[in-house]
Each structure stands twice: as structure tokens, then as C-alpha cells.
N, C-alpha and C. Protein backbone atom coordinates (compact mmCIF):
# COMPACT_ATOMS: atom_id res chain seq x y z
N MET A 1 27.16 9.15 -17.25
CA MET A 1 26.14 9.31 -16.24
C MET A 1 25.11 10.35 -16.67
N THR A 2 25.56 11.37 -17.40
CA THR A 2 24.64 12.39 -17.87
C THR A 2 23.61 11.79 -18.83
N GLY A 3 24.04 10.83 -19.63
CA GLY A 3 23.12 10.18 -20.56
C GLY A 3 22.01 9.45 -19.84
N PHE A 4 22.34 8.87 -18.70
CA PHE A 4 21.34 8.17 -17.90
C PHE A 4 20.25 9.13 -17.42
N PHE A 5 20.66 10.26 -16.88
CA PHE A 5 19.69 11.24 -16.39
C PHE A 5 18.91 11.88 -17.53
N ASN A 6 19.56 12.08 -18.66
CA ASN A 6 18.85 12.61 -19.83
C ASN A 6 17.80 11.60 -20.31
N ALA A 7 18.11 10.31 -20.25
CA ALA A 7 17.15 9.29 -20.65
C ALA A 7 15.95 9.28 -19.71
N ILE A 8 16.20 9.43 -18.41
CA ILE A 8 15.09 9.50 -17.46
C ILE A 8 14.23 10.73 -17.75
N GLY A 9 14.87 11.86 -18.01
CA GLY A 9 14.13 13.07 -18.33
C GLY A 9 13.31 12.93 -19.60
N ASP A 10 13.88 12.30 -20.61
CA ASP A 10 13.15 12.07 -21.85
C ASP A 10 11.95 11.15 -21.63
N PHE A 11 12.13 10.13 -20.80
CA PHE A 11 11.03 9.22 -20.50
C PHE A 11 9.89 9.95 -19.82
N PHE A 12 10.19 10.77 -18.80
CA PHE A 12 9.14 11.50 -18.10
C PHE A 12 8.48 12.54 -19.01
N THR A 13 9.27 13.19 -19.86
CA THR A 13 8.69 14.14 -20.80
C THR A 13 7.72 13.44 -21.72
N TRP A 14 8.07 12.26 -22.21
CA TRP A 14 7.19 11.48 -23.08
C TRP A 14 5.94 11.04 -22.32
N THR A 15 6.13 10.58 -21.06
CA THR A 15 5.01 10.10 -20.25
C THR A 15 4.02 11.22 -19.95
N PHE A 16 4.53 12.41 -19.61
CA PHE A 16 3.65 13.50 -19.21
C PHE A 16 2.85 14.08 -20.38
N GLN A 17 3.17 13.70 -21.60
CA GLN A 17 2.37 14.13 -22.74
C GLN A 17 0.98 13.51 -22.69
N PHE A 18 0.84 12.35 -22.08
CA PHE A 18 -0.44 11.65 -22.01
C PHE A 18 -1.28 12.07 -20.82
N MET A 19 -0.68 12.71 -19.84
CA MET A 19 -1.39 13.04 -18.61
C MET A 19 -2.63 13.91 -18.81
N PRO A 20 -2.60 14.95 -19.62
CA PRO A 20 -3.82 15.75 -19.77
C PRO A 20 -5.01 14.96 -20.29
N SER A 21 -4.77 13.97 -21.13
CA SER A 21 -5.88 13.19 -21.67
C SER A 21 -6.48 12.25 -20.62
N LEU A 22 -5.72 11.93 -19.58
CA LEU A 22 -6.23 11.05 -18.53
C LEU A 22 -7.10 11.77 -17.52
N GLY A 23 -6.96 13.09 -17.43
CA GLY A 23 -7.78 13.87 -16.50
C GLY A 23 -7.45 13.54 -15.06
N ASN A 24 -8.47 13.27 -14.26
CA ASN A 24 -8.30 12.99 -12.82
C ASN A 24 -8.14 11.52 -12.51
N ILE A 25 -8.11 10.67 -13.50
CA ILE A 25 -8.03 9.23 -13.25
C ILE A 25 -6.79 8.85 -12.43
N PRO A 26 -5.59 9.36 -12.76
CA PRO A 26 -4.42 9.00 -11.92
C PRO A 26 -4.57 9.48 -10.48
N ASN A 27 -5.15 10.67 -10.27
CA ASN A 27 -5.34 11.18 -8.92
C ASN A 27 -6.30 10.29 -8.13
N ILE A 28 -7.39 9.91 -8.76
CA ILE A 28 -8.37 9.07 -8.10
C ILE A 28 -7.78 7.69 -7.80
N ALA A 29 -7.04 7.13 -8.75
CA ALA A 29 -6.44 5.81 -8.56
C ALA A 29 -5.44 5.82 -7.39
N LEU A 30 -4.59 6.84 -7.33
CA LEU A 30 -3.62 6.92 -6.24
C LEU A 30 -4.30 7.15 -4.90
N THR A 31 -5.35 7.95 -4.89
CA THR A 31 -6.09 8.20 -3.66
C THR A 31 -6.75 6.91 -3.16
N LEU A 32 -7.37 6.17 -4.06
CA LEU A 32 -8.01 4.91 -3.66
C LEU A 32 -6.99 3.88 -3.19
N ALA A 33 -5.84 3.80 -3.87
CA ALA A 33 -4.80 2.86 -3.46
C ALA A 33 -4.25 3.23 -2.08
N GLY A 34 -4.05 4.52 -1.84
CA GLY A 34 -3.57 4.97 -0.53
C GLY A 34 -4.58 4.71 0.56
N ALA A 35 -5.87 4.94 0.27
CA ALA A 35 -6.92 4.69 1.26
C ALA A 35 -7.00 3.20 1.57
N ALA A 36 -6.92 2.35 0.55
CA ALA A 36 -6.97 0.91 0.77
C ALA A 36 -5.77 0.45 1.60
N ALA A 37 -4.59 0.97 1.31
CA ALA A 37 -3.41 0.59 2.07
C ALA A 37 -3.52 1.05 3.53
N THR A 38 -4.08 2.24 3.74
CA THR A 38 -4.24 2.74 5.10
C THR A 38 -5.24 1.91 5.88
N ILE A 39 -6.36 1.55 5.25
CA ILE A 39 -7.36 0.72 5.92
C ILE A 39 -6.76 -0.65 6.26
N TYR A 40 -6.00 -1.24 5.34
CA TYR A 40 -5.35 -2.53 5.61
C TYR A 40 -4.39 -2.40 6.79
N TRP A 41 -3.57 -1.35 6.77
CA TRP A 41 -2.57 -1.13 7.81
C TRP A 41 -3.24 -0.96 9.17
N LEU A 42 -4.30 -0.16 9.23
CA LEU A 42 -5.00 0.04 10.49
C LEU A 42 -5.64 -1.26 10.98
N GLY A 43 -6.15 -2.06 10.06
CA GLY A 43 -6.71 -3.36 10.43
C GLY A 43 -5.65 -4.27 11.03
N GLN A 44 -4.46 -4.24 10.45
CA GLN A 44 -3.37 -5.06 10.99
C GLN A 44 -2.96 -4.57 12.38
N MET A 45 -2.96 -3.26 12.59
CA MET A 45 -2.61 -2.71 13.91
C MET A 45 -3.63 -3.16 14.96
N VAL A 46 -4.91 -3.12 14.61
CA VAL A 46 -5.95 -3.56 15.54
C VAL A 46 -5.78 -5.04 15.85
N LYS A 47 -5.49 -5.84 14.83
CA LYS A 47 -5.30 -7.28 15.01
C LYS A 47 -4.14 -7.55 15.98
N HIS A 48 -3.03 -6.86 15.79
CA HIS A 48 -1.87 -7.08 16.66
C HIS A 48 -2.14 -6.61 18.08
N ASN A 49 -2.88 -5.51 18.23
CA ASN A 49 -3.22 -5.03 19.57
C ASN A 49 -4.11 -6.04 20.30
N ARG A 50 -5.04 -6.64 19.58
CA ARG A 50 -5.91 -7.66 20.20
C ARG A 50 -5.10 -8.88 20.61
N GLU A 51 -4.15 -9.30 19.77
CA GLU A 51 -3.31 -10.45 20.11
C GLU A 51 -2.45 -10.16 21.32
N ASP A 52 -1.92 -8.92 21.40
CA ASP A 52 -1.10 -8.55 22.56
C ASP A 52 -1.94 -8.52 23.83
N ALA A 53 -3.17 -8.02 23.73
CA ALA A 53 -4.03 -7.95 24.90
C ALA A 53 -4.44 -9.34 25.36
N ALA A 54 -4.64 -10.26 24.44
CA ALA A 54 -5.03 -11.63 24.78
C ALA A 54 -3.85 -12.39 25.41
N ALA A 55 -2.64 -12.03 25.04
CA ALA A 55 -1.46 -12.73 25.55
C ALA A 55 -1.12 -12.31 26.98
N LYS A 56 -1.60 -11.18 27.41
CA LYS A 56 -1.25 -10.68 28.74
C LYS A 56 -2.10 -11.25 29.82
């Protein structure tokens, strides 16, 4: 089991070597993905509220 966690640690250590060269791109990408998901979710909530109001 220790080997499994060591492998995960080695993978992240290898991955984080590239992060400085990417700059803010990962931050911007995650922010945009989160904003898009939030807008979609809020749109679905509005849609369901309208359907519930029409059914009453």
C-alpha cells in the first residue's frame, strides 16, 4: 500500500514541475469552468422553478 501512495506522490511531484511554466493558465481555466458550471446550474434551477409554477 505504501508503494501506491509513493507512486501518487511521485506523479504529483513530476506534474508540479510543469506548473511554473504554465503561469496563470490553470487558474483561469478552472475559474472559467466553475463559472460556466454555476451559470448552467442556476439556469436549470430557474427552469425547474418555472415548471413548478406552471404546474400549480
